[in-house]
Amino acid sequence: FTTNHIKLSIVILITALVAMGCSTSSSNNGSATI
């Protein structure tokens, strides 16, 4: 819960969500890509 820790957590989460969003758009809607 330090300031740097929270900032890093936010950066990691945003990166993960962006990556998921990009991959989701290219995935087959009848399946999930693992």
All heavy atoms as atom14 arrays in JSON, in Angstrom:
{
  "sequence": "FTTNHIKLSIVILITALVAMGCSTSSSNNGSATI",
  "atom14_mask": [
    [1, 1, 1, 1, 1, 1, 1, 1, 1, 1, 1, 0, 0, 0],
    [1, 1, 1, 1, 1, 1, 1, 0, 0, 0, 0, 0, 0, 0],
    [1, 1, 1, 1, 1, 1, 1, 0, 0, 0, 0, 0, 0, 0],
    [1, 1, 1, 1, 1, 1, 1, 1, 0, 0, 0, 0, 0, 0],
    [1, 1, 1, 1, 1, 1, 1, 1, 1, 1, 0, 0, 0, 0],
    [1, 1, 1, 1, 1, 1, 1, 1, 0, 0, 0, 0, 0, 0],
    [1, 1, 1, 1, 1, 1, 1, 1, 1, 0, 0, 0, 0, 0],
    [1, 1, 1, 1, 1, 1, 1, 1, 0, 0, 0, 0, 0, 0],
    [1, 1, 1, 1, 1, 1, 0, 0, 0, 0, 0, 0, 0, 0],
    [1, 1, 1, 1, 1, 1, 1, 1, 0, 0, 0, 0, 0, 0],
    [1, 1, 1, 1, 1, 1, 1, 0, 0, 0, 0, 0, 0, 0],
    [1, 1, 1, 1, 1, 1, 1, 1, 0, 0, 0, 0, 0, 0],
    [1, 1, 1, 1, 1, 1, 1, 1, 0, 0, 0, 0, 0, 0],
    [1, 1, 1, 1, 1, 1, 1, 1, 0, 0, 0, 0, 0, 0],
    [1, 1, 1, 1, 1, 1, 1, 0, 0, 0, 0, 0, 0, 0],
    [1, 1, 1, 1, 1, 0, 0, 0, 0, 0, 0, 0, 0, 0],
    [1, 1, 1, 1, 1, 1, 1, 1, 0, 0, 0, 0, 0, 0],
    [1, 1, 1, 1, 1, 1, 1, 0, 0, 0, 0, 0, 0, 0],
    [1, 1, 1, 1, 1, 0, 0, 0, 0, 0, 0, 0, 0, 0],
    [1, 1, 1, 1, 1, 1, 1, 1, 0, 0, 0, 0, 0, 0],
    [1, 1, 1, 1, 0, 0, 0, 0, 0, 0, 0, 0, 0, 0],
    [1, 1, 1, 1, 1, 1, 0, 0, 0, 0, 0, 0, 0, 0],
    [1, 1, 1, 1, 1, 1, 0, 0, 0, 0, 0, 0, 0, 0],
    [1, 1, 1, 1, 1, 1, 1, 0, 0, 0, 0, 0, 0, 0],
    [1, 1, 1, 1, 1, 1, 0, 0, 0, 0, 0, 0, 0, 0],
    [1, 1, 1, 1, 1, 1, 0, 0, 0, 0, 0, 0, 0, 0],
    [1, 1, 1, 1, 1, 1, 0, 0, 0, 0, 0, 0, 0, 0],
    [1, 1, 1, 1, 1, 1, 1, 1, 0, 0, 0, 0, 0, 0],
    [1, 1, 1, 1, 1, 1, 1, 1, 0, 0, 0, 0, 0, 0],
    [1, 1, 1, 1, 0, 0, 0, 0, 0, 0, 0, 0, 0, 0],
    [1, 1, 1, 1, 1, 1, 0, 0, 0, 0, 0, 0, 0, 0],
    [1, 1, 1, 1, 1, 0, 0, 0, 0, 0, 0, 0, 0, 0],
    [1, 1, 1, 1, 1, 1, 1, 0, 0, 0, 0, 0, 0, 0],
    [1, 1, 1, 1, 1, 1, 1, 1, 0, 0, 0, 0, 0, 0]
  ],
  "atom14_positions": [
    [[0.78, -1.21, 0.0], [0.0, 0.0, 0.0], [0.83, 1.28, 0.0], [0.39, 2.31, 0.46], [-0.98, 0.01, 1.19], [-1.81, -1.21, 1.25], [-1.55, -2.19, 2.2], [-2.82, -1.43, 0.33], [-2.3, -3.34, 2.24], [-3.57, -2.58, 0.36], [-3.31, -3.53, 1.31], [0.0, 0.0, 0.0], [0.0, 0.0, 0.0], [0.0, 0.0, 0.0]],
    [[2.04, 1.25, -0.49], [2.79, 2.48, -0.69], [2.35, 3.1, -2.0], [1.74, 2.46, -2.85], [4.31, 2.19, -0.75], [4.55, 1.34, -1.87], [4.77, 1.47, 0.52], [0.0, 0.0, 0.0], [0.0, 0.0, 0.0], [0.0, 0.0, 0.0], [0.0, 0.0, 0.0], [0.0, 0.0, 0.0], [0.0, 0.0, 0.0], [0.0, 0.0, 0.0]],
    [[2.71, 4.36, -2.19], [2.3, 5.05, -3.42], [2.85, 4.36, -4.65], [2.14, 4.13, -5.63], [2.78, 6.5, -3.38], [2.2, 7.14, -2.24], [2.35, 7.24, -4.64], [0.0, 0.0, 0.0], [0.0, 0.0, 0.0], [0.0, 0.0, 0.0], [0.0, 0.0, 0.0], [0.0, 0.0, 0.0], [0.0, 0.0, 0.0], [0.0, 0.0, 0.0]],
    [[4.12, 4.0, -4.61], [4.72, 3.34, -5.78], [4.07, 2.0, -6.04], [3.86, 1.6, -7.19], [6.23, 3.15, -5.56], [6.98, 4.46, -5.64], [6.51, 5.42, -6.24], [8.16, 4.5, -5.02], [0.0, 0.0, 0.0], [0.0, 0.0, 0.0], [0.0, 0.0, 0.0], [0.0, 0.0, 0.0], [0.0, 0.0, 0.0], [0.0, 0.0, 0.0]],
    [[3.73, 1.29, -4.97], [3.11, -0.02, -5.14], [1.76, 0.12, -5.84], [1.44, -0.64, -6.75], [2.92, -0.65, -3.76], [2.28, -2.01, -3.79], [3.01, -3.15, -3.93], [0.99, -2.38, -3.73], [2.19, -4.18, -3.94], [0.95, -3.73, -3.81], [0.0, 0.0, 0.0], [0.0, 0.0, 0.0], [0.0, 0.0, 0.0], [0.0, 0.0, 0.0]],
    [[0.96, 1.09, -5.4], [-0.35, 1.28, -5.99], [-0.21, 1.69, -7.45], [-0.94, 1.22, -8.32], [-1.14, 2.34, -5.2], [-1.43, 1.78, -3.79], [-2.44, 2.69, -5.9], [-2.05, 2.8, -2.86], [0.0, 0.0, 0.0], [0.0, 0.0, 0.0], [0.0, 0.0, 0.0], [0.0, 0.0, 0.0], [0.0, 0.0, 0.0], [0.0, 0.0, 0.0]],
    [[0.73, 2.6, -7.74], [0.94, 3.02, -9.12], [1.3, 1.82, -10.0], [0.78, 1.67, -11.11], [2.05, 4.07, -9.2], [1.63, 5.44, -8.67], [2.77, 6.42, -8.8], [2.36, 7.82, -8.3], [3.48, 8.76, -8.4], [0.0, 0.0, 0.0], [0.0, 0.0, 0.0], [0.0, 0.0, 0.0], [0.0, 0.0, 0.0], [0.0, 0.0, 0.0]],
    [[2.2, 0.98, -9.5], [2.62, -0.18, -10.28], [1.44, -1.13, -10.5], [1.25, -1.67, -11.59], [3.75, -0.92, -9.56], [4.28, -2.19, -10.25], [4.73, -1.87, -11.68], [5.42, -2.8, -9.46], [0.0, 0.0, 0.0], [0.0, 0.0, 0.0], [0.0, 0.0, 0.0], [0.0, 0.0, 0.0], [0.0, 0.0, 0.0], [0.0, 0.0, 0.0]],
    [[0.62, -1.31, -9.46], [-0.55, -2.18, -9.59], [-1.48, -1.68, -10.67], [-2.01, -2.45, -11.46], [-1.3, -2.23, -8.25], [-0.46, -2.71, -7.24], [0.0, 0.0, 0.0], [0.0, 0.0, 0.0], [0.0, 0.0, 0.0], [0.0, 0.0, 0.0], [0.0, 0.0, 0.0], [0.0, 0.0, 0.0], [0.0, 0.0, 0.0], [0.0, 0.0, 0.0]],
    [[-1.7, -0.35, -10.71], [-2.59, 0.23, -11.7], [-2.03, 0.03, -13.1], [-2.75, -0.34, -14.03], [-2.81, 1.74, -11.41], [-3.59, 1.9, -10.1], [-3.55, 2.41, -12.56], [-3.69, 3.32, -9.63], [0.0, 0.0, 0.0], [0.0, 0.0, 0.0], [0.0, 0.0, 0.0], [0.0, 0.0, 0.0], [0.0, 0.0, 0.0], [0.0, 0.0, 0.0]],
    [[-0.74, 0.26, -13.26], [-0.11, 0.08, -14.57], [-0.25, -1.36, -15.04], [-0.61, -1.63, -16.19], [1.39, 0.48, -14.51], [2.09, 0.05, -15.79], [1.53, 1.98, -14.32], [0.0, 0.0, 0.0], [0.0, 0.0, 0.0], [0.0, 0.0, 0.0], [0.0, 0.0, 0.0], [0.0, 0.0, 0.0], [0.0, 0.0, 0.0], [0.0, 0.0, 0.0]],
    [[0.01, -2.3, -14.12], [-0.09, -3.72, -14.49], [-1.51, -4.08, -14.88], [-1.76, -4.76, -15.87], [0.36, -4.61, -13.3], [1.87, -4.44, -13.08], [0.06, -6.08, -13.58], [2.37, -5.13, -11.82], [0.0, 0.0, 0.0], [0.0, 0.0, 0.0], [0.0, 0.0, 0.0], [0.0, 0.0, 0.0], [0.0, 0.0, 0.0], [0.0, 0.0, 0.0]],
    [[-2.49, -3.58, -14.11], [-3.88, -3.91, -14.4], [-4.32, -3.34, -15.72], [-4.99, -4.0, -16.52], [-4.77, -3.38, -13.27], [-6.27, -3.64, -13.4], [-6.54, -5.13, -13.56], [-7.01, -3.08, -12.2], [0.0, 0.0, 0.0], [0.0, 0.0, 0.0], [0.0, 0.0, 0.0], [0.0, 0.0, 0.0], [0.0, 0.0, 0.0], [0.0, 0.0, 0.0]],
    [[-3.96, -2.06, -15.99], [-4.33, -1.44, -17.26], [-3.72, -2.2, -18.43], [-4.37, -2.47, -19.44], [-3.89, 0.04, -17.3], [-4.74, 0.84, -16.3], [-4.05, 0.62, -18.7], [-4.29, 2.28, -16.15], [0.0, 0.0, 0.0], [0.0, 0.0, 0.0], [0.0, 0.0, 0.0], [0.0, 0.0, 0.0], [0.0, 0.0, 0.0], [0.0, 0.0, 0.0]],
    [[-2.46, -2.59, -18.27], [-1.78, -3.35, -19.33], [-2.5, -4.66, -19.6], [-2.73, -5.05, -20.74], [-0.32, -3.64, -18.92], [0.33, -2.4, -18.7], [0.4, -4.4, -20.03], [0.0, 0.0, 0.0], [0.0, 0.0, 0.0], [0.0, 0.0, 0.0], [0.0, 0.0, 0.0], [0.0, 0.0, 0.0], [0.0, 0.0, 0.0], [0.0, 0.0, 0.0]],
    [[-2.89, -5.34, -18.49], [-3.58, -6.63, -18.65], [-4.92, -6.46, -19.34], [-5.31, -7.25, -20.19], [-3.76, -7.29, -17.28], [0.0, 0.0, 0.0], [0.0, 0.0, 0.0], [0.0, 0.0, 0.0], [0.0, 0.0, 0.0], [0.0, 0.0, 0.0], [0.0, 0.0, 0.0], [0.0, 0.0, 0.0], [0.0, 0.0, 0.0], [0.0, 0.0, 0.0]],
    [[-5.65, -5.4, -18.96], [-6.96, -5.18, -19.55], [-6.87, -4.81, -21.02], [-7.68, -5.26, -21.84], [-7.69, -4.06, -18.78], [-8.13, -4.43, -17.36], [-8.71, -3.2, -16.66], [-9.15, -5.55, -17.39], [0.0, 0.0, 0.0], [0.0, 0.0, 0.0], [0.0, 0.0, 0.0], [0.0, 0.0, 0.0], [0.0, 0.0, 0.0], [0.0, 0.0, 0.0]],
    [[-5.87, -3.99, -21.36], [-5.67, -3.63, -22.76], [-5.33, -4.85, -23.58], [-5.87, -5.09, -24.67], [-4.55, -2.57, -22.9], [-4.18, -2.38, -24.36], [-5.01, -1.24, -22.3], [0.0, 0.0, 0.0], [0.0, 0.0, 0.0], [0.0, 0.0, 0.0], [0.0, 0.0, 0.0], [0.0, 0.0, 0.0], [0.0, 0.0, 0.0], [0.0, 0.0, 0.0]],
    [[-4.43, -5.68, -23.02], [-4.04, -6.91, -23.74], [-5.23, -7.82, -23.92], [-5.44, -8.41, -24.98], [-2.93, -7.62, -22.96], [0.0, 0.0, 0.0], [0.0, 0.0, 0.0], [0.0, 0.0, 0.0], [0.0, 0.0, 0.0], [0.0, 0.0, 0.0], [0.0, 0.0, 0.0], [0.0, 0.0, 0.0], [0.0, 0.0, 0.0], [0.0, 0.0, 0.0]],
    [[-6.07, -7.94, -22.89], [-7.24, -8.8, -22.99], [-8.22, -8.26, -24.02], [-8.8, -9.01, -24.78], [-7.92, -8.91, -21.62], [-9.12, -9.84, -21.63], [-9.82, -10.11, -19.98], [-8.55, -11.12, -19.28], [0.0, 0.0, 0.0], [0.0, 0.0, 0.0], [0.0, 0.0, 0.0], [0.0, 0.0, 0.0], [0.0, 0.0, 0.0], [0.0, 0.0, 0.0]],
    [[-8.37, -6.94, -24.03], [-9.29, -6.34, -24.99], [-8.85, -6.58, -26.41], [-9.67, -6.91, -27.29], [0.0, 0.0, 0.0], [0.0, 0.0, 0.0], [0.0, 0.0, 0.0], [0.0, 0.0, 0.0], [0.0, 0.0, 0.0], [0.0, 0.0, 0.0], [0.0, 0.0, 0.0], [0.0, 0.0, 0.0], [0.0, 0.0, 0.0], [0.0, 0.0, 0.0]],
    [[-7.56, -6.46, -26.66], [-7.04, -6.67, -28.02], [-7.23, -8.11, -28.44], [-7.66, -8.4, -29.56], [-5.55, -6.31, -28.06], [-5.23, -4.54, -27.85], [0.0, 0.0, 0.0], [0.0, 0.0, 0.0], [0.0, 0.0, 0.0], [0.0, 0.0, 0.0], [0.0, 0.0, 0.0], [0.0, 0.0, 0.0], [0.0, 0.0, 0.0], [0.0, 0.0, 0.0]],
    [[-6.92, -9.05, -27.53], [-7.0, -10.45, -27.91], [-8.45, -10.89, -28.04], [-8.77, -11.75, -28.83], [-6.28, -11.32, -26.87], [-6.83, -11.12, -25.59], [0.0, 0.0, 0.0], [0.0, 0.0, 0.0], [0.0, 0.0, 0.0], [0.0, 0.0, 0.0], [0.0, 0.0, 0.0], [0.0, 0.0, 0.0], [0.0, 0.0, 0.0], [0.0, 0.0, 0.0]],
    [[-9.33, -10.29, -27.23], [-10.73, -10.68, -27.3], [-11.33, -10.36, -28.66], [-12.08, -11.13, -29.23], [-11.53, -9.95, -26.2], [-11.03, -10.37, -24.93], [-13.0, -10.28, -26.28], [0.0, 0.0, 0.0], [0.0, 0.0, 0.0], [0.0, 0.0, 0.0], [0.0, 0.0, 0.0], [0.0, 0.0, 0.0], [0.0, 0.0, 0.0], [0.0, 0.0, 0.0]],
    [[-10.95, -9.22, -29.21], [-11.53, -8.8, -30.49], [-11.15, -9.72, -31.62], [-11.85, -9.81, -32.62], [-11.07, -7.36, -30.8], [-9.67, -7.32, -30.97], [0.0, 0.0, 0.0], [0.0, 0.0, 0.0], [0.0, 0.0, 0.0], [0.0, 0.0, 0.0], [0.0, 0.0, 0.0], [0.0, 0.0, 0.0], [0.0, 0.0, 0.0], [0.0, 0.0, 0.0]],
    [[-10.04, -10.42, -31.47], [-9.58, -11.31, -32.54], [-9.9, -12.77, -32.26], [-9.57, -13.64, -33.04], [-8.06, -11.13, -32.72], [-7.38, -11.48, -31.54], [0.0, 0.0, 0.0], [0.0, 0.0, 0.0], [0.0, 0.0, 0.0], [0.0, 0.0, 0.0], [0.0, 0.0, 0.0], [0.0, 0.0, 0.0], [0.0, 0.0, 0.0], [0.0, 0.0, 0.0]],
    [[-10.56, -13.04, -31.09], [-10.83, -14.43, -30.73], [-12.07, -14.94, -31.42], [-12.95, -14.2, -31.81], [-11.01, -14.54, -29.2], [-9.83, -14.19, -28.55], [0.0, 0.0, 0.0], [0.0, 0.0, 0.0], [0.0, 0.0, 0.0], [0.0, 0.0, 0.0], [0.0, 0.0, 0.0], [0.0, 0.0, 0.0], [0.0, 0.0, 0.0], [0.0, 0.0, 0.0]],
    [[-12.15, -16.24, -31.53], [-13.36, -16.89, -32.01], [-14.41, -16.77, -30.93], [-14.23, -17.23, -29.81], [-13.03, -18.37, -32.29], [-14.23, -19.11, -32.83], [-15.34, -18.61, -32.84], [-13.98, -20.34, -33.27], [0.0, 0.0, 0.0], [0.0, 0.0, 0.0], [0.0, 0.0, 0.0], [0.0, 0.0, 0.0], [0.0, 0.0, 0.0], [0.0, 0.0, 0.0]],
    [[-15.57, -16.16, -31.26], [-16.6, -15.97, -30.25], [-17.22, -17.27, -29.78], [-17.95, -17.29, -28.8], [-17.69, -15.03, -30.79], [-17.22, -13.6, -30.89], [-16.36, -13.19, -30.12], [-17.77, -12.85, -31.83], [0.0, 0.0, 0.0], [0.0, 0.0, 0.0], [0.0, 0.0, 0.0], [0.0, 0.0, 0.0], [0.0, 0.0, 0.0], [0.0, 0.0, 0.0]],
    [[-16.95, -18.38, -30.48], [-17.48, -19.67, -30.05], [-16.54, -20.4, -29.12], [-16.81, -21.54, -28.75], [0.0, 0.0, 0.0], [0.0, 0.0, 0.0], [0.0, 0.0, 0.0], [0.0, 0.0, 0.0], [0.0, 0.0, 0.0], [0.0, 0.0, 0.0], [0.0, 0.0, 0.0], [0.0, 0.0, 0.0], [0.0, 0.0, 0.0], [0.0, 0.0, 0.0]],
    [[-15.46, -19.77, -28.75], [-14.51, -20.4, -27.85], [-13.67, -19.34, -27.16], [-13.66, -18.18, -27.56], [-13.59, -21.37, -28.6], [-12.81, -20.67, -29.56], [0.0, 0.0, 0.0], [0.0, 0.0, 0.0], [0.0, 0.0, 0.0], [0.0, 0.0, 0.0], [0.0, 0.0, 0.0], [0.0, 0.0, 0.0], [0.0, 0.0, 0.0], [0.0, 0.0, 0.0]],
    [[-12.97, -19.76, -26.14], [-12.01, -18.88, -25.47], [-10.61, -19.35, -25.81], [-10.37, -20.55, -26.03], [-12.22, -18.94, -23.96], [0.0, 0.0, 0.0], [0.0, 0.0, 0.0], [0.0, 0.0, 0.0], [0.0, 0.0, 0.0], [0.0, 0.0, 0.0], [0.0, 0.0, 0.0], [0.0, 0.0, 0.0], [0.0, 0.0, 0.0], [0.0, 0.0, 0.0]],
    [[-9.7, -18.41, -25.91], [-8.3, -18.76, -26.19], [-7.54, -18.84, -24.88], [-7.44, -17.86, -24.14], [-7.65, -17.7, -27.09], [-8.39, -17.59, -28.31], [-6.21, -18.08, -27.4], [0.0, 0.0, 0.0], [0.0, 0.0, 0.0], [0.0, 0.0, 0.0], [0.0, 0.0, 0.0], [0.0, 0.0, 0.0], [0.0, 0.0, 0.0], [0.0, 0.0, 0.0]],
    [[-7.02, -20.03, -24.59], [-6.26, -20.26, -23.36], [-4.78, -20.28, -23.7], [-4.33, -21.14, -24.46], [-6.67, -21.58, -22.69], [-8.2, -21.7, -22.61], [-6.03, -21.68, -21.32], [-8.88, -20.6, -21.85], [0.0, 0.0, 0.0], [0.0, 0.0, 0.0], [0.0, 0.0, 0.0], [0.0, 0.0, 0.0], [0.0, 0.0, 0.0], [0.0, 0.0, 0.0]]
  ]
}
